[in-house]
Amino acid sequence: MEKTAAFLLRIPQDLKKGLEKRAAEQNQSVNGLLQTMIVRELAKQDDQVTDDSLENRQFIGQTLTGSQVDSENGLVQVKGIFYRYLIESNLKFDPAKDYIVIEANGNILTLRPIVR
């Protein structure tokens, strides 16, 4: 797994709102959207083809049922593979809800509860 780094980014409120809207439309987190945009832009500048991870290509937008989550062990099963998971906004897991994968970072998937 790649090491990750964090940094503070100051942007205008309108730009932040635009990023949040785009991320929601694409069922991603803002972090996941920015990471994808940066990787694509750097690859374009380097004249490379981007090679997103399997998780990003196959799992973003995937809908999961509560039965696919093992909350006791902190794991979620997606397409037969177990991953660690986080729930957006640190919400508690609710087995009665369905979830959508909004970000994949290494072996950790970020899930968003689906509001119906």
PDB file of N, CA and C in Angstrom:
ATOM      1  N   MET A   1       0.841  -1.180   0.000  1.00  0.00           N
ATOM      2  CA  MET A   1       0.000   0.000   0.000  1.00  0.00           C
ATOM      3  C   MET A   1       0.882   1.239   0.000  1.00  0.00           C
ATOM      4  N   GLU A   2       0.520   2.206  -0.823  1.00  0.00           N
ATOM      5  CA  GLU A   2       1.276   3.445  -0.900  1.00  0.00           C
ATOM      6  C   GLU A   2       1.075   4.266   0.362  1.00  0.00           C
ATOM      7  N   LYS A   3       2.132   4.971   0.759  1.00  0.00           N
ATOM      8  CA  LYS A   3       2.008   5.905   1.872  1.00  0.00           C
ATOM      9  C   LYS A   3       1.223   7.108   1.386  1.00  0.00           C
ATOM     10  N   THR A   4       0.407   7.652   2.254  1.00  0.00           N
ATOM     11  CA  THR A   4      -0.364   8.827   1.885  1.00  0.00           C
ATOM     12  C   THR A   4       0.141  10.035   2.657  1.00  0.00           C
ATOM     13  N   ALA A   5      -0.158  11.198   2.146  1.00  0.00           N
ATOM     14  CA  ALA A   5       0.213  12.448   2.789  1.00  0.00           C
ATOM     15  C   ALA A   5      -1.002  13.352   2.791  1.00  0.00           C
ATOM     16  N   ALA A   6      -1.024  14.267   3.721  1.00  0.00           N
ATOM     17  CA  ALA A   6      -2.118  15.231   3.808  1.00  0.00           C
ATOM     18  C   ALA A   6      -1.531  16.641   3.781  1.00  0.00           C
ATOM     19  N   PHE A   7      -2.306  17.566   3.211  1.00  0.00           N
ATOM     20  CA  PHE A   7      -1.900  18.964   3.249  1.00  0.00           C
ATOM     21  C   PHE A   7      -3.135  19.842   3.218  1.00  0.00           C
ATOM     22  N   LEU A   8      -2.981  21.051   3.698  1.00  0.00           N
ATOM     23  CA  LEU A   8      -4.069  22.012   3.734  1.00  0.00           C
ATOM     24  C   LEU A   8      -4.147  22.733   2.392  1.00  0.00           C
ATOM     25  N   LEU A   9      -5.345  22.820   1.844  1.00  0.00           N
ATOM     26  CA  LEU A   9      -5.558  23.513   0.583  1.00  0.00           C
ATOM     27  C   LEU A   9      -6.616  24.581   0.814  1.00  0.00           C
ATOM     28  N   ARG A  10      -6.255  25.813   0.556  1.00  0.00           N
ATOM     29  CA  ARG A  10      -7.200  26.918   0.709  1.00  0.00           C
ATOM     30  C   ARG A  10      -7.770  27.275  -0.660  1.00  0.00           C
ATOM     31  N   ILE A  11      -9.100  27.208  -0.775  1.00  0.00           N
ATOM     32  CA  ILE A  11      -9.767  27.531  -2.033  1.00  0.00           C
ATOM     33  C   ILE A  11     -11.002  28.377  -1.727  1.00  0.00           C
ATOM     34  N   PRO A  12     -11.498  29.118  -2.704  1.00  0.00           N
ATOM     35  CA  PRO A  12     -12.718  29.910  -2.493  1.00  0.00           C
ATOM     36  C   PRO A  12     -13.916  28.991  -2.197  1.00  0.00           C
ATOM     37  N   GLN A  13     -14.859  29.504  -1.409  1.00  0.00           N
ATOM     38  CA  GLN A  13     -16.058  28.739  -1.035  1.00  0.00           C
ATOM     39  C   GLN A  13     -16.821  28.229  -2.257  1.00  0.00           C
ATOM     40  N   ASP A  14     -16.924  29.060  -3.307  1.00  0.00           N
ATOM     41  CA  ASP A  14     -17.654  28.651  -4.517  1.00  0.00           C
ATOM     42  C   ASP A  14     -16.996  27.440  -5.171  1.00  0.00           C
ATOM     43  N   LEU A  15     -15.670  27.423  -5.203  1.00  0.00           N
ATOM     44  CA  LEU A  15     -14.953  26.294  -5.774  1.00  0.00           C
ATOM     45  C   LEU A  15     -15.173  25.042  -4.927  1.00  0.00           C
ATOM     46  N   LYS A  16     -15.151  25.191  -3.624  1.00  0.00           N
ATOM     47  CA  LYS A  16     -15.396  24.059  -2.716  1.00  0.00           C
ATOM     48  C   LYS A  16     -16.797  23.486  -2.956  1.00  0.00           C
ATOM     49  N   LYS A  17     -17.784  24.356  -3.067  1.00  0.00           N
ATOM     50  CA  LYS A  17     -19.161  23.905  -3.309  1.00  0.00           C
ATOM     51  C   LYS A  17     -19.262  23.185  -4.654  1.00  0.00           C
ATOM     52  N   GLY A  18     -18.567  23.716  -5.661  1.00  0.00           N
ATOM     53  CA  GLY A  18     -18.558  23.062  -6.971  1.00  0.00           C
ATOM     54  C   GLY A  18     -17.934  21.669  -6.909  1.00  0.00           C
ATOM     55  N   LEU A  19     -16.844  21.536  -6.160  1.00  0.00           N
ATOM     56  CA  LEU A  19     -16.204  20.221  -5.996  1.00  0.00           C
ATOM     57  C   LEU A  19     -17.131  19.251  -5.261  1.00  0.00           C
ATOM     58  N   GLU A  20     -17.794  19.733  -4.223  1.00  0.00           N
ATOM     59  CA  GLU A  20     -18.721  18.878  -3.478  1.00  0.00           C
ATOM     60  C   GLU A  20     -19.875  18.407  -4.361  1.00  0.00           C
ATOM     61  N   LYS A  21     -20.379  19.313  -5.193  1.00  0.00           N
ATOM     62  CA  LYS A  21     -21.479  18.954  -6.101  1.00  0.00           C
ATOM     63  C   LYS A  21     -21.017  17.907  -7.119  1.00  0.00           C
ATOM     64  N   ARG A  22     -19.857  18.140  -7.744  1.00  0.00           N
ATOM     65  CA  ARG A  22     -19.332  17.192  -8.729  1.00  0.00           C
ATOM     66  C   ARG A  22     -19.073  15.829  -8.087  1.00  0.00           C
ATOM     67  N   ALA A  23     -18.492  15.819  -6.896  1.00  0.00           N
ATOM     68  CA  ALA A  23     -18.206  14.557  -6.197  1.00  0.00           C
ATOM     69  C   ALA A  23     -19.503  13.803  -5.916  1.00  0.00           C
ATOM     70  N   ALA A  24     -20.516  14.507  -5.456  1.00  0.00           N
ATOM     71  CA  ALA A  24     -21.808  13.859  -5.177  1.00  0.00           C
ATOM     72  C   ALA A  24     -22.423  13.297  -6.452  1.00  0.00           C
ATOM     73  N   GLU A  25     -22.335  14.030  -7.548  1.00  0.00           N
ATOM     74  CA  GLU A  25     -22.871  13.552  -8.834  1.00  0.00           C
ATOM     75  C   GLU A  25     -22.172  12.277  -9.292  1.00  0.00           C
ATOM     76  N   GLN A  26     -20.887  12.145  -8.966  1.00  0.00           N
ATOM     77  CA  GLN A  26     -20.106  10.990  -9.386  1.00  0.00           C
ATOM     78  C   GLN A  26     -19.997   9.927  -8.290  1.00  0.00           C
ATOM     79  N   ASN A  27     -20.785  10.104  -7.207  1.00  0.00           N
ATOM     80  CA  ASN A  27     -20.761   9.170  -6.085  1.00  0.00           C
ATOM     81  C   ASN A  27     -19.349   8.939  -5.567  1.00  0.00           C
ATOM     82  N   GLN A  28     -18.626  10.032  -5.383  1.00  0.00           N
ATOM     83  CA  GLN A  28     -17.274   9.983  -4.844  1.00  0.00           C
ATOM     84  C   GLN A  28     -17.187  10.941  -3.673  1.00  0.00           C
ATOM     85  N   SER A  29     -16.120  10.788  -2.911  1.00  0.00           N
ATOM     86  CA  SER A  29     -15.809  11.794  -1.906  1.00  0.00           C
ATOM     87  C   SER A  29     -15.056  12.917  -2.610  1.00  0.00           C
ATOM     88  N   VAL A  30     -14.985  14.079  -1.986  1.00  0.00           N
ATOM     89  CA  VAL A  30     -14.222  15.188  -2.559  1.00  0.00           C
ATOM     90  C   VAL A  30     -12.759  14.783  -2.653  1.00  0.00           C
ATOM     91  N   ASN A  31     -12.247  14.114  -1.626  1.00  0.00           N
ATOM     92  CA  ASN A  31     -10.862  13.653  -1.635  1.00  0.00           C
ATOM     93  C   ASN A  31     -10.612  12.723  -2.830  1.00  0.00           C
ATOM     94  N   GLY A  32     -11.506  11.765  -3.039  1.00  0.00           N
ATOM     95  CA  GLY A  32     -11.352  10.838  -4.159  1.00  0.00           C
ATOM     96  C   GLY A  32     -11.406  11.535  -5.500  1.00  0.00           C
ATOM     97  N   LEU A  33     -12.320  12.506  -5.635  1.00  0.00           N
ATOM     98  CA  LEU A  33     -12.441  13.267  -6.879  1.00  0.00           C
ATOM     99  C   LEU A  33     -11.168  14.054  -7.155  1.00  0.00           C
ATOM    100  N   LEU A  34     -10.660  14.757  -6.136  1.00  0.00           N
ATOM    101  CA  LEU A  34      -9.436  15.543  -6.323  1.00  0.00           C
ATOM    102  C   LEU A  34      -8.248  14.648  -6.661  1.00  0.00           C
ATOM    103  N   GLN A  35      -8.160  13.516  -6.000  1.00  0.00           N
ATOM    104  CA  GLN A  35      -7.056  12.595  -6.278  1.00  0.00           C
ATOM    105  C   GLN A  35      -7.112  12.115  -7.729  1.00  0.00           C
ATOM    106  N   THR A  36      -8.294  11.749  -8.200  1.00  0.00           N
ATOM    107  CA  THR A  36      -8.458  11.309  -9.586  1.00  0.00           C
ATOM    108  C   THR A  36      -8.098  12.428 -10.555  1.00  0.00           C
ATOM    109  N   MET A  37      -8.547  13.649 -10.275  1.00  0.00           N
ATOM    110  CA  MET A  37      -8.264  14.784 -11.153  1.00  0.00           C
ATOM    111  C   MET A  37      -6.760  15.071 -11.217  1.00  0.00           C
ATOM    112  N   ILE A  38      -6.096  15.001 -10.081  1.00  0.00           N
ATOM    113  CA  ILE A  38      -4.659  15.278 -10.043  1.00  0.00           C
ATOM    114  C   ILE A  38      -3.880  14.210 -10.793  1.00  0.00           C
ATOM    115  N   VAL A  39      -4.223  12.944 -10.561  1.00  0.00           N
ATOM    116  CA  VAL A  39      -3.532  11.848 -11.257  1.00  0.00           C
ATOM    117  C   VAL A  39      -3.702  11.993 -12.767  1.00  0.00           C
ATOM    118  N   ARG A  40      -4.911  12.270 -13.213  1.00  0.00           N
ATOM    119  CA  ARG A  40      -5.157  12.426 -14.659  1.00  0.00           C
ATOM    120  C   ARG A  40      -4.392  13.615 -15.231  1.00  0.00           C
ATOM    121  N   GLU A  41      -4.392  14.727 -14.525  1.00  0.00           N
ATOM    122  CA  GLU A  41      -3.695  15.920 -15.005  1.00  0.00           C
ATOM    123  C   GLU A  41      -2.188  15.678 -15.087  1.00  0.00           C
ATOM    124  N   LEU A  42      -1.612  15.068 -14.071  1.00  0.00           N
ATOM    125  CA  LEU A  42      -0.173  14.783 -14.100  1.00  0.00           C
ATOM    126  C   LEU A  42       0.171  13.798 -15.210  1.00  0.00           C
ATOM    127  N   ALA A  43      -0.669  12.797 -15.410  1.00  0.00           N
ATOM    128  CA  ALA A  43      -0.426  11.823 -16.473  1.00  0.00           C
ATOM    129  C   ALA A  43      -0.525  12.487 -17.846  1.00  0.00           C
ATOM    130  N   LYS A  44      -1.482  13.405 -17.980  1.00  0.00           N
ATOM    131  CA  LYS A  44      -1.651  14.116 -19.240  1.00  0.00           C
ATOM    132  C   LYS A  44      -0.409  14.962 -19.530  1.00  0.00           C
ATOM    133  N   GLN A  45       0.096  15.634 -18.515  1.00  0.00           N
ATOM    134  CA  GLN A  45       1.286  16.461 -18.688  1.00  0.00           C
ATOM    135  C   GLN A  45       2.509  15.614 -19.014  1.00  0.00           C
ATOM    136  N   ASP A  46       2.584  14.424 -18.414  1.00  0.00           N
ATOM    137  CA  ASP A  46       3.718  13.531 -18.664  1.00  0.00           C
ATOM    138  C   ASP A  46       3.496  12.677 -19.902  1.00  0.00           C
ATOM    139  N   ASP A  47       2.331  12.896 -20.585  1.00  0.00           N
ATOM    140  CA  ASP A  47       1.978  12.136 -21.779  1.00  0.00           C
ATOM    141  C   ASP A  47       1.892  10.637 -21.486  1.00  0.00           C
ATOM    142  N   GLN A  48       1.303  10.304 -20.343  1.00  0.00           N
ATOM    143  CA  GLN A  48       1.138   8.912 -19.938  1.00  0.00           C
ATOM    144  C   GLN A  48      -0.344   8.565 -19.944  1.00  0.00           C
ATOM    145  N   VAL A  49      -0.607   7.282 -19.976  1.00  0.00           N
ATOM    146  CA  VAL A  49      -1.972   6.803 -19.833  1.00  0.00           C
ATOM    147  C   VAL A  49      -2.186   6.508 -18.358  1.00  0.00           C
ATOM    148  N   THR A  50      -3.289   6.993 -17.786  1.00  0.00           N
ATOM    149  CA  THR A  50      -3.530   6.728 -16.372  1.00  0.00           C
ATOM    150  C   THR A  50      -3.954   5.282 -16.199  1.00  0.00           C
ATOM    151  N   ASP A  51      -3.477   4.695 -15.148  1.00  0.00           N
ATOM    152  CA  ASP A  51      -3.831   3.326 -14.814  1.00  0.00           C
ATOM    153  C   ASP A  51      -4.411   3.334 -13.417  1.00  0.00           C
ATOM    154  N   ASP A  52      -5.704   3.643 -13.305  1.00  0.00           N
ATOM    155  CA  ASP A  52      -6.351   3.655 -12.001  1.00  0.00           C
ATOM    156  C   ASP A  52      -6.301   2.261 -11.411  1.00  0.00           C
ATOM    157  N   SER A  53      -6.377   2.202 -10.104  1.00  0.00           N
ATOM    158  CA  SER A  53      -6.366   0.907  -9.423  1.00  0.00           C
ATOM    159  C   SER A  53      -7.633   0.123  -9.754  1.00  0.00           C
ATOM    160  N   LEU A  54      -7.573  -1.178  -9.525  1.00  0.00           N
ATOM    161  CA  LEU A  54      -8.738  -2.042  -9.713  1.00  0.00           C
ATOM    162  C   LEU A  54      -9.910  -1.506  -8.909  1.00  0.00           C
ATOM    163  N   GLU A  55      -9.630  -1.107  -7.688  1.00  0.00           N
ATOM    164  CA  GLU A  55     -10.692  -0.620  -6.813  1.00  0.00           C
ATOM    165  C   GLU A  55     -11.371   0.615  -7.402  1.00  0.00           C
ATOM    166  N   ASN A  56     -10.580   1.561  -7.899  1.00  0.00           N
ATOM    167  CA  ASN A  56     -11.172   2.763  -8.486  1.00  0.00           C
ATOM    168  C   ASN A  56     -11.952   2.444  -9.744  1.00  0.00           C
ATOM    169  N   ARG A  57     -11.454   1.551 -10.570  1.00  0.00           N
ATOM    170  CA  ARG A  57     -12.134   1.217 -11.824  1.00  0.00           C
ATOM    171  C   ARG A  57     -13.398   0.402 -11.595  1.00  0.00           C
ATOM    172  N   GLN A  58     -13.375  -0.506 -10.638  1.00  0.00           N
ATOM    173  CA  GLN A  58     -14.463  -1.467 -10.489  1.00  0.00           C
ATOM    174  C   GLN A  58     -15.435  -1.186  -9.344  1.00  0.00           C
ATOM    175  N   PHE A  59     -15.009  -0.465  -8.312  1.00  0.00           N
ATOM    176  CA  PHE A  59     -15.834  -0.390  -7.110  1.00  0.00           C
ATOM    177  C   PHE A  59     -16.525   0.947  -6.882  1.00  0.00           C
ATOM    178  N   ILE A  60     -15.983   2.051  -7.425  1.00  0.00           N
ATOM    179  CA  ILE A  60     -16.613   3.351  -7.203  1.00  0.00           C
ATOM    180  C   ILE A  60     -18.013   3.321  -7.813  1.00  0.00           C
ATOM    181  N   GLY A  61     -18.998   3.693  -7.008  1.00  0.00           N
ATOM    182  CA  GLY A  61     -20.389   3.674  -7.459  1.00  0.00           C
ATOM    183  C   GLY A  61     -21.093   2.356  -7.210  1.00  0.00           C
ATOM    184  N   GLN A  62     -20.371   1.346  -6.746  1.00  0.00           N
ATOM    185  CA  GLN A  62     -20.946   0.025  -6.461  1.00  0.00           C
ATOM    186  C   GLN A  62     -21.873   0.127  -5.248  1.00  0.00           C
ATOM    187  N   THR A  63     -23.072  -0.421  -5.349  1.00  0.00           N
ATOM    188  CA  THR A  63     -24.028  -0.429  -4.246  1.00  0.00           C
ATOM    189  C   THR A  63     -23.855  -1.704  -3.433  1.00  0.00           C
ATOM    190  N   LEU A  64     -23.859  -1.554  -2.107  1.00  0.00           N
ATOM    191  CA  LEU A  64     -23.687  -2.681  -1.190  1.00  0.00           C
ATOM    192  C   LEU A  64     -24.854  -2.740  -0.224  1.00  0.00           C
ATOM    193  N   THR A  65     -25.194  -3.940   0.199  1.00  0.00           N
ATOM    194  CA  THR A  65     -26.221  -4.104   1.224  1.00  0.00           C
ATOM    195  C   THR A  65     -25.536  -4.222   2.587  1.00  0.00           C
ATOM    196  N   GLY A  66     -26.292  -3.985   3.622  1.00  0.00           N
ATOM    197  CA  GLY A  66     -25.758  -4.101   4.973  1.00  0.00           C
ATOM    198  C   GLY A  66     -25.211  -5.486   5.278  1.00  0.00           C
ATOM    199  N   SER A  67     -25.721  -6.504   4.594  1.00  0.00           N
ATOM    200  CA  SER A  67     -25.255  -7.873   4.844  1.00  0.00           C
ATOM    201  C   SER A  67     -23.838  -8.107   4.327  1.00  0.00           C
ATOM    202  N   GLN A  68     -23.325  -7.212   3.478  1.00  0.00           N
ATOM    203  CA  GLN A  68     -21.963  -7.358   2.973  1.00  0.00           C
ATOM    204  C   GLN A  68     -20.929  -6.759   3.918  1.00  0.00           C
ATOM    205  N   VAL A  69     -21.410  -6.126   4.988  1.00  0.00           N
ATOM    206  CA  VAL A  69     -20.522  -5.461   5.940  1.00  0.00           C
ATOM    207  C   VAL A  69     -20.391  -6.305   7.204  1.00  0.00           C
ATOM    208  N   ASP A  70     -19.157  -6.560   7.602  1.00  0.00           N
ATOM    209  CA  ASP A  70     -18.852  -7.236   8.862  1.00  0.00           C
ATOM    210  C   ASP A  70     -18.370  -6.162   9.822  1.00  0.00           C
ATOM    211  N   SER A  71     -19.318  -5.524  10.520  1.00  0.00           N
ATOM    212  CA  SER A  71     -18.977  -4.377  11.357  1.00  0.00           C
ATOM    213  C   SER A  71     -18.123  -4.778  12.557  1.00  0.00           C
ATOM    214  N   GLU A  72     -18.255  -6.024  13.014  1.00  0.00           N
ATOM    215  CA  GLU A  72     -17.448  -6.493  14.152  1.00  0.00           C
ATOM    216  C   GLU A  72     -15.959  -6.475  13.832  1.00  0.00           C
ATOM    217  N   ASN A  73     -15.618  -6.860  12.611  1.00  0.00           N
ATOM    218  CA  ASN A  73     -14.212  -6.922  12.189  1.00  0.00           C
ATOM    219  C   ASN A  73     -13.789  -5.738  11.330  1.00  0.00           C
ATOM    220  N   GLY A  74     -14.722  -4.824  11.045  1.00  0.00           N
ATOM    221  CA  GLY A  74     -14.399  -3.640  10.254  1.00  0.00           C
ATOM    222  C   GLY A  74     -14.102  -3.943   8.799  1.00  0.00           C
ATOM    223  N   LEU A  75     -14.814  -4.938   8.249  1.00  0.00           N
ATOM    224  CA  LEU A  75     -14.575  -5.352   6.867  1.00  0.00           C
ATOM    225  C   LEU A  75     -15.853  -5.270   6.043  1.00  0.00           C
ATOM    226  N   VAL A  76     -15.675  -5.081   4.746  1.00  0.00           N
ATOM    227  CA  VAL A  76     -16.786  -5.113   3.805  1.00  0.00           C
ATOM    228  C   VAL A  76     -16.363  -6.014   2.645  1.00  0.00           C
ATOM    229  N   GLN A  77     -17.302  -6.817   2.158  1.00  0.00           N
ATOM    230  CA  GLN A  77     -17.006  -7.708   1.046  1.00  0.00           C
ATOM    231  C   GLN A  77     -17.581  -7.124  -0.241  1.00  0.00           C
ATOM    232  N   VAL A  78     -16.686  -6.919  -1.211  1.00  0.00           N
ATOM    233  CA  VAL A  78     -17.088  -6.390  -2.515  1.00  0.00           C
ATOM    234  C   VAL A  78     -16.524  -7.322  -3.574  1.00  0.00           C
ATOM    235  N   LYS A  79     -17.425  -7.889  -4.377  1.00  0.00           N
ATOM    236  CA  LYS A  79     -17.030  -8.810  -5.448  1.00  0.00           C
ATOM    237  C   LYS A  79     -16.092  -9.903  -4.941  1.00  0.00           C
ATOM    238  N   GLY A  80     -16.403 -10.440  -3.765  1.00  0.00           N
ATOM    239  CA  GLY A  80     -15.648 -11.560  -3.217  1.00  0.00           C
ATOM    240  C   GLY A  80     -14.358 -11.187  -2.514  1.00  0.00           C
ATOM    241  N   ILE A  81     -14.035  -9.908  -2.427  1.00  0.00           N
ATOM    242  CA  ILE A  81     -12.799  -9.456  -1.791  1.00  0.00           C
ATOM    243  C   ILE A  81     -13.158  -8.637  -0.549  1.00  0.00           C
ATOM    244  N   PHE A  82     -12.442  -8.887   0.552  1.00  0.00           N
ATOM    245  CA  PHE A  82     -12.687  -8.144   1.782  1.00  0.00           C
ATOM    246  C   PHE A  82     -11.773  -6.924   1.860  1.00  0.00           C
ATOM    247  N   TYR A  83     -12.365  -5.798   2.243  1.00  0.00           N
ATOM    248  CA  TYR A  83     -11.648  -4.539   2.415  1.00  0.00           C
ATOM    249  C   TYR A  83     -12.004  -3.940   3.768  1.00  0.00           C
ATOM    250  N   ARG A  84     -11.118  -3.126   4.278  1.00  0.00           N
ATOM    251  CA  ARG A  84     -11.453  -2.306   5.436  1.00  0.00           C
ATOM    252  C   ARG A  84     -12.371  -1.205   4.908  1.00  0.00           C
ATOM    253  N   TYR A  85     -13.141  -0.602   5.793  1.00  0.00           N
ATOM    254  CA  TYR A  85     -14.046   0.442   5.325  1.00  0.00           C
ATOM    255  C   TYR A  85     -14.169   1.569   6.332  1.00  0.00           C
ATOM    256  N   LEU A  86     -14.551   2.718   5.819  1.00  0.00           N
ATOM    257  CA  LEU A  86     -14.945   3.885   6.599  1.00  0.00           C
ATOM    258  C   LEU A  86     -16.321   4.283   6.088  1.00  0.00           C
ATOM    259  N   ILE A  87     -17.115   4.872   6.956  1.00  0.00           N
ATOM    260  CA  ILE A  87     -18.400   5.391   6.515  1.00  0.00           C
ATOM    261  C   ILE A  87     -18.295   6.912   6.535  1.00  0.00           C
ATOM    262  N   GLU A  88     -18.707   7.527   5.431  1.00  0.00           N
ATOM    263  CA  GLU A  88     -18.617   8.981   5.279  1.00  0.00           C
ATOM    264  C   GLU A  88     -19.142   9.699   6.516  1.00  0.00           C
ATOM    265  N   SER A  89     -18.459  10.749   6.899  1.00  0.00           N
ATOM    266  CA  SER A  89     -18.815  11.591   8.051  1.00  0.00           C
ATOM    267  C   SER A  89     -18.784  10.825   9.372  1.00  0.00           C
ATOM    268  N   ASN A  90     -18.060   9.700   9.384  1.00  0.00           N
ATOM    269  CA  ASN A  90     -17.938   8.870  10.592  1.00  0.00           C
ATOM    270  C   ASN A  90     -19.279   8.438  11.164  1.00  0.00           C
ATOM    271  N   LEU A  91     -20.250   8.226  10.274  1.00  0.00           N
ATOM    272  CA  LEU A  91     -21.551   7.743  10.725  1.00  0.00           C
ATOM    273  C   LEU A  91     -21.422   6.313  11.231  1.00  0.00           C
ATOM    274  N   LYS A  92     -22.323   5.928  12.096  1.00  0.00           N
ATOM    275  CA  LYS A  92     -22.343   4.551  12.598  1.00  0.00           C
ATOM    276  C   LYS A  92     -22.956   3.645  11.536  1.00  0.00           C
ATOM    277  N   PHE A  93     -22.491   2.402  11.493  1.00  0.00           N
ATOM    278  CA  PHE A  93     -23.016   1.417  10.552  1.00  0.00           C
ATOM    279  C   PHE A  93     -24.443   1.050  10.929  1.00  0.00           C
ATOM    280  N   ASP A  94     -25.317   1.010   9.945  1.00  0.00           N
ATOM    281  CA  ASP A  94     -26.710   0.602  10.120  1.00  0.00           C
ATOM    282  C   ASP A  94     -26.964  -0.573   9.176  1.00  0.00           C
ATOM    283  N   PRO A  95     -27.136  -1.796   9.722  1.00  0.00           N
ATOM    284  CA  PRO A  95     -27.311  -2.974   8.856  1.00  0.00           C
ATOM    285  C   PRO A  95     -28.559  -2.929   7.984  1.00  0.00           C
ATOM    286  N   ALA A  96     -29.509  -2.062   8.312  1.00  0.00           N
ATOM    287  CA  ALA A  96     -30.738  -1.967   7.520  1.00  0.00           C
ATOM    288  C   ALA A  96     -30.558  -1.087   6.285  1.00  0.00           C
ATOM    289  N   LYS A  97     -29.442  -0.363   6.196  1.00  0.00           N
ATOM    290  CA  LYS A  97     -29.229   0.549   5.073  1.00  0.00           C
ATOM    291  C   LYS A  97     -28.379  -0.082   3.988  1.00  0.00           C
ATOM    292  N   ASP A  98     -28.540   0.449   2.783  1.00  0.00           N
ATOM    293  CA  ASP A  98     -27.640   0.126   1.679  1.00  0.00           C
ATOM    294  C   ASP A  98     -26.597   1.232   1.615  1.00  0.00           C
ATOM    295  N   TYR A  99     -25.455   0.915   1.021  1.00  0.00           N
ATOM    296  CA  TYR A  99     -24.345   1.860   0.943  1.00  0.00           C
ATOM    297  C   TYR A  99     -23.807   1.897  -0.475  1.00  0.00           C
ATOM    298  N   ILE A 100     -23.137   2.988  -0.804  1.00  0.00           N
ATOM    299  CA  ILE A 100     -22.477   3.112  -2.095  1.00  0.00           C
ATOM    300  C   ILE A 100     -21.009   3.411  -1.836  1.00  0.00           C
ATOM    301  N   VAL A 101     -20.127   2.797  -2.626  1.00  0.00           N
ATOM    302  CA  VAL A 101     -18.694   3.034  -2.490  1.00  0.00           C
ATOM    303  C   VAL A 101     -18.376   4.358  -3.178  1.00  0.00           C
ATOM    304  N   ILE A 102     -17.809   5.306  -2.408  1.00  0.00           N
ATOM    305  CA  ILE A 102     -17.519   6.624  -2.973  1.00  0.00           C
ATOM    306  C   ILE A 102     -16.030   6.898  -3.115  1.00  0.00           C
ATOM    307  N   GLU A 103     -15.191   6.049  -2.495  1.00  0.00           N
ATOM    308  CA  GLU A 103     -13.747   6.267  -2.595  1.00  0.00           C
ATOM    309  C   GLU A 103     -13.025   4.965  -2.287  1.00  0.00           C
ATOM    310  N   ALA A 104     -11.930   4.747  -2.983  1.00  0.00           N
ATOM    311  CA  ALA A 104     -11.052   3.604  -2.726  1.00  0.00           C
ATOM    312  C   ALA A 104      -9.646   4.145  -2.567  1.00  0.00           C
ATOM    313  N   ASN A 105      -9.069   3.879  -1.408  1.00  0.00           N
ATOM    314  CA  ASN A 105      -7.721   4.345  -1.135  1.00  0.00           C
ATOM    315  C   ASN A 105      -6.942   3.161  -0.567  1.00  0.00           C
ATOM    316  N   GLY A 106      -6.160   2.516  -1.424  1.00  0.00           N
ATOM    317  CA  GLY A 106      -5.459   1.303  -0.992  1.00  0.00           C
ATOM    318  C   GLY A 106      -6.473   0.216  -0.684  1.00  0.00           C
ATOM    319  N   ASN A 107      -6.390  -0.335   0.530  1.00  0.00           N
ATOM    320  CA  ASN A 107      -7.326  -1.396   0.904  1.00  0.00           C
ATOM    321  C   ASN A 107      -8.468  -0.868   1.768  1.00  0.00           C
ATOM    322  N   ILE A 108      -8.726   0.434   1.695  1.00  0.00           N
ATOM    323  CA  ILE A 108      -9.804   1.039   2.483  1.00  0.00           C
ATOM    324  C   ILE A 108     -10.831   1.660   1.533  1.00  0.00           C
ATOM    325  N   LEU A 109     -12.091   1.253   1.702  1.00  0.00           N
ATOM    326  CA  LEU A 109     -13.185   1.812   0.911  1.00  0.00           C
ATOM    327  C   LEU A 109     -13.986   2.757   1.785  1.00  0.00           C
ATOM    328  N   THR A 110     -14.408   3.874   1.212  1.00  0.00           N
ATOM    329  CA  THR A 110     -15.285   4.802   1.927  1.00  0.00           C
ATOM    330  C   THR A 110     -16.700   4.600   1.413  1.00  0.00           C
ATOM    331  N   LEU A 111     -17.626   4.408   2.346  1.00  0.00           N
ATOM    332  CA  LEU A 111     -19.012   4.129   2.013  1.00  0.00           C
ATOM    333  C   LEU A 111     -19.896   5.303   2.403  1.00  0.00           C
ATOM    334  N   ARG A 112     -20.947   5.530   1.599  1.00  0.00           N
ATOM    335  CA  ARG A 112     -21.954   6.550   1.895  1.00  0.00           C
ATOM    336  C   ARG A 112     -23.297   5.852   2.006  1.00  0.00           C
ATOM    337  N   PRO A 113     -24.031   6.095   3.113  1.00  0.00           N
ATOM    338  CA  PRO A 113     -25.371   5.505   3.206  1.00  0.00           C
ATOM    339  C   PRO A 113     -26.259   6.045   2.084  1.00  0.00           C
ATOM    340  N   ILE A 114     -27.082   5.181   1.539  1.00  0.00           N
ATOM    341  CA  ILE A 114     -28.020   5.600   0.486  1.00  0.00           C
ATOM    342  C   ILE A 114     -29.322   6.019   1.164  1.00  0.00           C
ATOM    343  N   VAL A 115     -29.731   7.244   0.911  1.00  0.00           N
ATOM    344  CA  VAL A 115     -30.964   7.773   1.486  1.00  0.00           C
ATOM    345  C   VAL A 115     -32.070   7.542   0.474  1.00  0.00           C
ATOM    346  N   ARG A 116     -33.088   6.855   0.888  1.00  0.00           N
ATOM    347  CA  ARG A 116     -34.203   6.543  -0.024  1.00  0.00           C
ATOM    348  C   ARG A 116     -35.447   7.235   0.432  1.00  0.00           C
TER     349      ARG A 116
END
